[in-house]
């Protein structure tokens, strides 16, 4: 009887000892895994980091004074983080970048004809316009614009406002900033100007440039899918009729 009790007690002790060893092993394994993960996430990895707020449209050359290579935790380094400046030379930011943000290849685009996707048979023409004349930031790539021009002449009416062109594709909308603004990472405000780029034929380019040089140009934004429009023109003798 006593021997039977001893066997039972011994078995219970062995079971408890096994459970204790299992618990200790599990905790040790978890701590080791956690230590490895922490080491991996905090280990330094080189990356280019913004030293100031960077503005959309700025090229790598524009922002070179406001970026620096730093060691960042490996776990926080994006897979497409820029390793060498050569990867994005000649390319421009496709969005604003916040100070302290790691720079990645996805934030940059080709800064040229390839990125504009110029339709066959057209060229890219860029105009600098005030916000109201350029429909502000509502006019974006893929939209269609109407061009209106107001010119003064020596006729009795004196002034003519006329729809010049309709259904002109918009390729890009870039805020106009001075080189100093770009270098210092300043963001544009609503009192600035727009640099709007359009796809135009050579004949359309001639008309737009002539209108810009010799008159006042305004744009309207076409409703998506709307057909090209036509105007009759307005003078002092007609606009109140």
C-alpha atoms as a PDB file:
ATOM      1  CA  UNK A   1       0.000   0.000   0.000  1.00  0.00           C
ATOM      2  CA  UNK A   2       2.777   2.357   0.992  1.00  0.00           C
ATOM      3  CA  UNK A   3       4.683   1.414  -2.123  1.00  0.00           C
ATOM      4  CA  UNK A   4       1.631   2.172  -4.268  1.00  0.00           C
ATOM      5  CA  UNK A   5       1.310   5.636  -2.746  1.00  0.00           C
ATOM      6  CA  UNK A   6       4.979   6.280  -3.320  1.00  0.00           C
ATOM      7  CA  UNK A   7       4.609   5.356  -6.978  1.00  0.00           C
ATOM      8  CA  UNK A   8       1.640   7.704  -7.366  1.00  0.00           C
ATOM      9  CA  UNK A   9       3.440  10.567  -5.640  1.00  0.00           C
ATOM     10  CA  UNK A  10       6.567   9.941  -7.704  1.00  0.00           C
ATOM     11  CA  UNK A  11       4.563   9.991 -10.901  1.00  0.00           C
ATOM     12  CA  UNK A  12       2.903  13.245  -9.919  1.00  0.00           C
ATOM     13  CA  UNK A  13       6.267  14.800  -9.129  1.00  0.00           C
ATOM     14  CA  UNK A  14       7.669  13.740 -12.486  1.00  0.00           C
ATOM     15  CA  UNK A  15       4.628  15.177 -14.268  1.00  0.00           C
ATOM     16  CA  UNK A  16       4.983  18.509 -12.471  1.00  0.00           C
ATOM     17  CA  UNK A  17       8.692  18.553 -13.181  1.00  0.00           C
ATOM     18  CA  UNK A  18       8.027  17.908 -16.865  1.00  0.00           C
ATOM     19  CA  UNK A  19       5.472  20.700 -16.993  1.00  0.00           C
ATOM     20  CA  UNK A  20       7.906  23.057 -15.286  1.00  0.00           C
ATOM     21  CA  UNK A  21      10.708  22.206 -17.693  1.00  0.00           C
ATOM     22  CA  UNK A  22       8.345  22.649 -20.653  1.00  0.00           C
ATOM     23  CA  UNK A  23       7.247  26.067 -19.352  1.00  0.00           C
ATOM     24  CA  UNK A  24      10.838  27.183 -18.785  1.00  0.00           C
ATOM     25  CA  UNK A  25      11.836  26.036 -22.282  1.00  0.00           C
ATOM     26  CA  UNK A  26       8.867  27.792 -23.882  1.00  0.00           C
ATOM     27  CA  UNK A  27       9.571  31.066 -22.075  1.00  0.00           C
ATOM     28  CA  UNK A  28      13.234  30.877 -22.998  1.00  0.00           C
ATOM     29  CA  UNK A  29      12.389  30.276 -26.660  1.00  0.00           C
ATOM     30  CA  UNK A  30       9.978  33.205 -26.684  1.00  0.00           C
ATOM     31  CA  UNK A  31      12.535  35.538 -25.118  1.00  0.00           C
ATOM     32  CA  UNK A  32      15.153  34.439 -27.628  1.00  0.00           C
ATOM     33  CA  UNK A  33      12.761  35.022 -30.544  1.00  0.00           C
ATOM     34  CA  UNK A  34      11.824  38.426 -29.145  1.00  0.00           C
ATOM     35  CA  UNK A  35      15.474  39.365 -28.776  1.00  0.00           C
ATOM     36  CA  UNK A  36      16.178  38.336 -32.383  1.00  0.00           C
ATOM     37  CA  UNK A  37      13.195  40.355 -33.633  1.00  0.00           C
ATOM     38  CA  UNK A  38      14.245  43.416 -31.645  1.00  0.00           C
ATOM     39  CA  UNK A  39      17.803  43.116 -32.900  1.00  0.00           C
ATOM     40  CA  UNK A  40      16.564  42.818 -36.494  1.00  0.00           C
ATOM     41  CA  UNK A  41      14.188  45.787 -36.206  1.00  0.00           C
ATOM     42  CA  UNK A  42      16.726  48.071 -34.530  1.00  0.00           C
ATOM     43  CA  UNK A  43      19.783  47.104 -36.552  1.00  0.00           C
ATOM     44  CA  UNK A  44      20.906  50.049 -38.645  1.00  0.00           C
ATOM     45  CA  UNK A  45      20.331  50.108 -42.411  1.00  0.00           C
ATOM     46  CA  UNK A  46      21.324  53.014 -44.696  1.00  0.00           C
ATOM     47  CA  UNK A  47      18.557  55.091 -46.269  1.00  0.00           C
ATOM     48  CA  UNK A  48      18.041  58.594 -47.643  1.00  0.00           C
ATOM     49  CA  UNK A  49      15.854  60.708 -45.359  1.00  0.00           C
ATOM     50  CA  UNK A  50      14.153  64.070 -45.963  1.00  0.00           C
ATOM     51  CA  UNK A  51      15.672  66.806 -43.820  1.00  0.00           C
ATOM     52  CA  UNK A  52      12.781  69.183 -44.596  1.00  0.00           C
ATOM     53  CA  UNK A  53       9.298  69.069 -46.108  1.00  0.00           C
ATOM     54  CA  UNK A  54       9.735  68.410 -49.843  1.00  0.00           C
ATOM     55  CA  UNK A  55       7.364  69.667 -52.521  1.00  0.00           C
ATOM     56  CA  UNK A  56       5.737  67.625 -55.285  1.00  0.00           C
ATOM     57  CA  UNK A  57       7.400  68.185 -58.659  1.00  0.00           C
ATOM     58  CA  UNK A  58      10.876  68.787 -57.178  1.00  0.00           C
ATOM     59  CA  UNK A  59      13.667  66.828 -58.814  1.00  0.00           C
ATOM     60  CA  UNK A  60      16.389  65.004 -56.914  1.00  0.00           C
ATOM     61  CA  UNK A  61      18.751  67.803 -57.922  1.00  0.00           C
ATOM     62  CA  UNK A  62      16.329  70.377 -56.438  1.00  0.00           C
ATOM     63  CA  UNK A  63      16.194  68.656 -53.053  1.00  0.00           C
ATOM     64  CA  UNK A  64      19.794  67.439 -52.807  1.00  0.00           C
ATOM     65  CA  UNK A  65      20.586  69.951 -50.046  1.00  0.00           C
ATOM     66  CA  UNK A  66      17.587  68.826 -47.990  1.00  0.00           C
ATOM     67  CA  UNK A  67      18.203  65.075 -47.944  1.00  0.00           C
ATOM     68  CA  UNK A  68      20.836  63.032 -46.152  1.00  0.00           C
ATOM     69  CA  UNK A  69      21.806  59.390 -45.835  1.00  0.00           C
ATOM     70  CA  UNK A  70      21.146  58.037 -42.344  1.00  0.00           C
ATOM     71  CA  UNK A  71      21.025  54.752 -40.467  1.00  0.00           C
ATOM     72  CA  UNK A  72      17.411  53.702 -39.829  1.00  0.00           C
ATOM     73  CA  UNK A  73      16.064  50.567 -38.119  1.00  0.00           C
ATOM     74  CA  UNK A  74      16.046  47.735 -40.625  1.00  0.00           C
ATOM     75  CA  UNK A  75      12.441  46.956 -39.759  1.00  0.00           C
ATOM     76  CA  UNK A  76      11.420  50.496 -40.706  1.00  0.00           C
ATOM     77  CA  UNK A  77      13.316  50.650 -44.002  1.00  0.00           C
ATOM     78  CA  UNK A  78      10.945  50.194 -47.000  1.00  0.00           C
ATOM     79  CA  UNK A  79      11.974  47.545 -49.491  1.00  0.00           C
ATOM     80  CA  UNK A  80      12.195  50.183 -52.274  1.00  0.00           C
ATOM     81  CA  UNK A  81      14.118  52.725 -50.201  1.00  0.00           C
ATOM     82  CA  UNK A  82      16.672  54.615 -52.286  1.00  0.00           C
ATOM     83  CA  UNK A  83      20.197  53.292 -51.833  1.00  0.00           C
ATOM     84  CA  UNK A  84      22.055  55.487 -54.323  1.00  0.00           C
ATOM     85  CA  UNK A  85      21.118  58.935 -55.758  1.00  0.00           C
ATOM     86  CA  UNK A  86      21.702  57.573 -59.268  1.00  0.00           C
ATOM     87  CA  UNK A  87      18.452  55.626 -58.915  1.00  0.00           C
ATOM     88  CA  UNK A  88      16.345  58.805 -59.052  1.00  0.00           C
ATOM     89  CA  UNK A  89      18.543  61.386 -60.780  1.00  0.00           C
ATOM     90  CA  UNK A  90      16.489  63.336 -63.322  1.00  0.00           C
ATOM     91  CA  UNK A  91      13.226  62.237 -61.709  1.00  0.00           C
ATOM     92  CA  UNK A  92      10.666  64.326 -59.815  1.00  0.00           C
ATOM     93  CA  UNK A  93       8.572  63.778 -56.693  1.00  0.00           C
ATOM     94  CA  UNK A  94       5.029  62.639 -57.432  1.00  0.00           C
ATOM     95  CA  UNK A  95       3.774  63.770 -54.001  1.00  0.00           C
ATOM     96  CA  UNK A  96       4.817  65.975 -51.074  1.00  0.00           C
ATOM     97  CA  UNK A  97       7.238  64.348 -48.625  1.00  0.00           C
ATOM     98  CA  UNK A  98       7.283  65.124 -44.902  1.00  0.00           C
ATOM     99  CA  UNK A  99      10.466  65.929 -42.975  1.00  0.00           C
ATOM    100  CA  UNK A 100      11.968  62.731 -41.541  1.00  0.00           C
ATOM    101  CA  UNK A 101      10.345  60.457 -44.125  1.00  0.00           C
ATOM    102  CA  UNK A 102      12.460  57.770 -45.805  1.00  0.00           C
ATOM    103  CA  UNK A 103      12.735  58.397 -49.542  1.00  0.00           C
ATOM    104  CA  UNK A 104      11.644  55.565 -51.830  1.00  0.00           C
ATOM    105  CA  UNK A 105      11.701  54.908 -55.563  1.00  0.00           C
ATOM    106  CA  UNK A 106       7.879  55.009 -55.655  1.00  0.00           C
ATOM    107  CA  UNK A 107       7.928  58.680 -54.638  1.00  0.00           C
ATOM    108  CA  UNK A 108       9.721  59.657 -57.850  1.00  0.00           C
ATOM    109  CA  UNK A 109       8.796  59.582 -61.530  1.00  0.00           C
ATOM    110  CA  UNK A 110      10.626  60.234 -64.753  1.00  0.00           C
ATOM    111  CA  UNK A 111      10.935  63.984 -65.217  1.00  0.00           C
ATOM    112  CA  UNK A 112      10.428  64.219 -68.962  1.00  0.00           C
ATOM    113  CA  UNK A 113       8.485  63.194 -72.036  1.00  0.00           C
ATOM    114  CA  UNK A 114       8.227  59.565 -70.929  1.00  0.00           C
ATOM    115  CA  UNK A 115       6.334  60.415 -67.735  1.00  0.00           C
ATOM    116  CA  UNK A 116       3.986  62.871 -69.497  1.00  0.00           C
ATOM    117  CA  UNK A 117       2.626  60.227 -71.875  1.00  0.00           C
ATOM    118  CA  UNK A 118       2.332  62.713 -74.747  1.00  0.00           C
ATOM    119  CA  UNK A 119      -0.240  61.470 -77.305  1.00  0.00           C
ATOM    120  CA  UNK A 120       0.999  60.759 -80.806  1.00  0.00           C
ATOM    121  CA  UNK A 121       0.769  63.780 -83.101  1.00  0.00           C
ATOM    122  CA  UNK A 122       0.975  66.312 -80.243  1.00  0.00           C
ATOM    123  CA  UNK A 123       3.606  68.135 -78.227  1.00  0.00           C
ATOM    124  CA  UNK A 124       3.692  69.222 -74.584  1.00  0.00           C
ATOM    125  CA  UNK A 125       3.111  72.932 -73.944  1.00  0.00           C
ATOM    126  CA  UNK A 126       3.390  74.467 -70.455  1.00  0.00           C
ATOM    127  CA  UNK A 127       1.771  77.730 -69.364  1.00  0.00           C
ATOM    128  CA  UNK A 128       2.207  79.703 -66.155  1.00  0.00           C
ATOM    129  CA  UNK A 129      -1.198  80.954 -64.992  1.00  0.00           C
ATOM    130  CA  UNK A 130      -2.709  82.492 -61.880  1.00  0.00           C
ATOM    131  CA  UNK A 131      -4.915  80.161 -59.850  1.00  0.00           C
ATOM    132  CA  UNK A 132      -8.295  81.565 -60.996  1.00  0.00           C
ATOM    133  CA  UNK A 133      -7.309  81.650 -64.676  1.00  0.00           C
ATOM    134  CA  UNK A 134      -6.066  78.051 -64.436  1.00  0.00           C
ATOM    135  CA  UNK A 135      -9.069  76.666 -62.477  1.00  0.00           C
ATOM    136  CA  UNK A 136      -6.782  76.101 -59.487  1.00  0.00           C
ATOM    137  CA  UNK A 137      -5.922  72.555 -58.482  1.00  0.00           C
ATOM    138  CA  UNK A 138      -9.206  71.256 -59.880  1.00  0.00           C
ATOM    139  CA  UNK A 139      -7.585  70.870 -63.273  1.00  0.00           C
ATOM    140  CA  UNK A 140      -5.541  67.674 -63.143  1.00  0.00           C
ATOM    141  CA  UNK A 141      -3.877  65.259 -65.591  1.00  0.00           C
ATOM    142  CA  UNK A 142      -6.435  63.469 -67.734  1.00  0.00           C
ATOM    143  CA  UNK A 143      -8.891  66.382 -67.733  1.00  0.00           C
ATOM    144  CA  UNK A 144      -9.889  68.456 -70.771  1.00  0.00           C
ATOM    145  CA  UNK A 145      -9.738  72.258 -70.832  1.00  0.00           C
ATOM    146  CA  UNK A 146     -11.257  75.086 -72.872  1.00  0.00           C
ATOM    147  CA  UNK A 147      -9.056  78.076 -73.738  1.00  0.00           C
ATOM    148  CA  UNK A 148     -10.538  81.589 -73.795  1.00  0.00           C
ATOM    149  CA  UNK A 149      -8.631  84.674 -74.857  1.00  0.00           C
ATOM    150  CA  UNK A 150      -9.366  88.372 -74.408  1.00  0.00           C
ATOM    151  CA  UNK A 151      -7.606  90.703 -76.851  1.00  0.00           C
ATOM    152  CA  UNK A 152      -7.737  94.431 -77.445  1.00  0.00           C
ATOM    153  CA  UNK A 153      -7.711  95.945 -80.920  1.00  0.00           C
ATOM    154  CA  UNK A 154      -8.400  99.201 -82.706  1.00  0.00           C
ATOM    155  CA  UNK A 155     -11.917  98.266 -83.823  1.00  0.00           C
ATOM    156  CA  UNK A 156     -14.996 100.140 -82.524  1.00  0.00           C
ATOM    157  CA  UNK A 157     -15.705  97.308 -80.100  1.00  0.00           C
ATOM    158  CA  UNK A 158     -12.163  97.612 -78.721  1.00  0.00           C
ATOM    159  CA  UNK A 159     -12.099  94.320 -76.819  1.00  0.00           C
ATOM    160  CA  UNK A 160     -12.967  90.760 -77.826  1.00  0.00           C
ATOM    161  CA  UNK A 161     -13.322  87.687 -75.608  1.00  0.00           C
ATOM    162  CA  UNK A 162     -13.502  84.467 -77.592  1.00  0.00           C
ATOM    163  CA  UNK A 163     -13.345  80.717 -77.077  1.00  0.00           C
ATOM    164  CA  UNK A 164     -10.034  79.911 -78.709  1.00  0.00           C
ATOM    165  CA  UNK A 165      -9.749  76.122 -78.361  1.00  0.00           C
ATOM    166  CA  UNK A 166     -11.757  73.348 -76.779  1.00  0.00           C
ATOM    167  CA  UNK A 167     -11.112  69.769 -75.649  1.00  0.00           C
ATOM    168  CA  UNK A 168      -7.412  70.275 -74.905  1.00  0.00           C
ATOM    169  CA  UNK A 169      -5.921  67.389 -72.824  1.00  0.00           C
ATOM    170  CA  UNK A 170      -4.161  68.254 -69.563  1.00  0.00           C
ATOM    171  CA  UNK A 171      -0.893  66.389 -69.011  1.00  0.00           C
ATOM    172  CA  UNK A 172       0.321  67.884 -65.723  1.00  0.00           C
ATOM    173  CA  UNK A 173      -0.431  70.427 -63.009  1.00  0.00           C
ATOM    174  CA  UNK A 174       2.618  71.629 -61.125  1.00  0.00           C
ATOM    175  CA  UNK A 175       2.705  74.519 -58.710  1.00  0.00           C
ATOM    176  CA  UNK A 176       5.078  77.286 -59.763  1.00  0.00           C
ATOM    177  CA  UNK A 177       7.812  77.712 -57.132  1.00  0.00           C
ATOM    178  CA  UNK A 178      11.018  79.677 -57.125  1.00  0.00           C
ATOM    179  CA  UNK A 179      14.326  77.770 -56.815  1.00  0.00           C
ATOM    180  CA  UNK A 180      14.677  79.178 -53.280  1.00  0.00           C
ATOM    181  CA  UNK A 181      11.213  77.874 -52.357  1.00  0.00           C
ATOM    182  CA  UNK A 182      12.164  74.410 -53.585  1.00  0.00           C
ATOM    183  CA  UNK A 183      15.541  74.447 -51.809  1.00  0.00           C
ATOM    184  CA  UNK A 184      13.968  75.496 -48.508  1.00  0.00           C
ATOM    185  CA  UNK A 185      11.182  72.935 -48.856  1.00  0.00           C
ATOM    186  CA  UNK A 186       8.355  75.482 -48.910  1.00  0.00           C
ATOM    187  CA  UNK A 187       4.897  74.360 -49.936  1.00  0.00           C
ATOM    188  CA  UNK A 188       2.908  76.521 -52.384  1.00  0.00           C
ATOM    189  CA  UNK A 189      -0.167  78.389 -51.207  1.00  0.00           C
ATOM    190  CA  UNK A 190      -3.373  79.423 -52.949  1.00  0.00           C
ATOM    191  CA  UNK A 191      -1.881  82.792 -53.814  1.00  0.00           C
ATOM    192  CA  UNK A 192       0.739  81.258 -56.098  1.00  0.00           C
ATOM    193  CA  UNK A 193       0.700  80.269 -59.736  1.00  0.00           C
ATOM    194  CA  UNK A 194       0.197  77.079 -61.692  1.00  0.00           C
ATOM    195  CA  UNK A 195       2.409  75.432 -64.267  1.00  0.00           C
ATOM    196  CA  UNK A 196      -0.061  73.608 -66.486  1.00  0.00           C
ATOM    197  CA  UNK A 197       1.109  71.329 -69.279  1.00  0.00           C
ATOM    198  CA  UNK A 198      -1.140  70.439 -72.229  1.00  0.00           C
ATOM    199  CA  UNK A 199      -1.013  68.127 -75.243  1.00  0.00           C
ATOM    200  CA  UNK A 200      -1.394  70.317 -78.328  1.00  0.00           C
ATOM    201  CA  UNK A 201      -0.806  70.206 -82.063  1.00  0.00           C
ATOM    202  CA  UNK A 202       1.615  72.687 -83.592  1.00  0.00           C
ATOM    203  CA  UNK A 203      -1.273  74.844 -84.842  1.00  0.00           C
ATOM    204  CA  UNK A 204      -2.880  74.852 -81.402  1.00  0.00           C
ATOM    205  CA  UNK A 205       0.465  75.737 -79.807  1.00  0.00           C
ATOM    206  CA  UNK A 206       0.803  78.742 -82.124  1.00  0.00           C
ATOM    207  CA  UNK A 207      -2.662  80.013 -81.194  1.00  0.00           C
ATOM    208  CA  UNK A 208      -2.144  79.553 -77.460  1.00  0.00           C
ATOM    209  CA  UNK A 209       1.276  81.179 -77.418  1.00  0.00           C
ATOM    210  CA  UNK A 210       0.021  84.109 -79.526  1.00  0.00           C
ATOM    211  CA  UNK A 211      -2.949  84.563 -77.198  1.00  0.00           C
ATOM    212  CA  UNK A 212      -0.747  84.427 -74.094  1.00  0.00           C
ATOM    213  CA  UNK A 213       1.733  86.932 -75.508  1.00  0.00           C
ATOM    214  CA  UNK A 214      -0.850  89.377 -76.841  1.00  0.00           C
ATOM    215  CA  UNK A 215      -3.892  88.998 -74.607  1.00  0.00           C
ATOM    216  CA  UNK A 216      -5.306  87.457 -71.452  1.00  0.00           C
ATOM    217  CA  UNK A 217      -5.913  83.693 -71.255  1.00  0.00           C
ATOM    218  CA  UNK A 218      -8.511  81.950 -69.067  1.00  0.00           C
ATOM    219  CA  UNK A 219      -9.341  78.271 -68.841  1.00  0.00           C
ATOM    220  CA  UNK A 220     -12.488  76.380 -68.037  1.00  0.00           C
ATOM    221  CA  UNK A 221     -12.590  72.732 -66.989  1.00  0.00           C
ATOM    222  CA  UNK A 222     -14.772  70.522 -69.170  1.00  0.00           C
ATOM    223  CA  UNK A 223     -17.180  68.069 -67.615  1.00  0.00           C
ATOM    224  CA  UNK A 224     -15.830  64.518 -68.067  1.00  0.00           C
ATOM    225  CA  UNK A 225     -17.099  63.068 -71.344  1.00  0.00           C
ATOM    226  CA  UNK A 226     -18.473  66.382 -72.612  1.00  0.00           C
ATOM    227  CA  UNK A 227     -17.906  67.124 -76.330  1.00  0.00           C
ATOM    228  CA  UNK A 228     -15.804  69.978 -77.643  1.00  0.00           C
ATOM    229  CA  UNK A 229     -17.548  73.331 -77.402  1.00  0.00           C
ATOM    230  CA  UNK A 230     -17.922  76.356 -79.656  1.00  0.00           C
ATOM    231  CA  UNK A 231     -18.278  80.024 -78.794  1.00  0.00           C
ATOM    232  CA  UNK A 232     -19.532  83.113 -80.584  1.00  0.00           C
ATOM    233  CA  UNK A 233     -17.271  85.692 -78.968  1.00  0.00           C
ATOM    234  CA  UNK A 234     -18.205  88.765 -76.964  1.00  0.00           C
ATOM    235  CA  UNK A 235     -17.469  92.463 -77.442  1.00  0.00           C
ATOM    236  CA  UNK A 236     -18.714  95.684 -75.846  1.00  0.00           C
ATOM    237  CA  UNK A 237     -21.462  95.673 -78.451  1.00  0.00           C
ATOM    238  CA  UNK A 238     -22.707  92.138 -77.749  1.00  0.00           C
ATOM    239  CA  UNK A 239     -22.100  90.999 -74.191  1.00  0.00           C
ATOM    240  CA  UNK A 240     -25.067  92.838 -72.678  1.00  0.00           C
ATOM    241  CA  UNK A 241     -27.553  91.632 -75.307  1.00  0.00           C
END
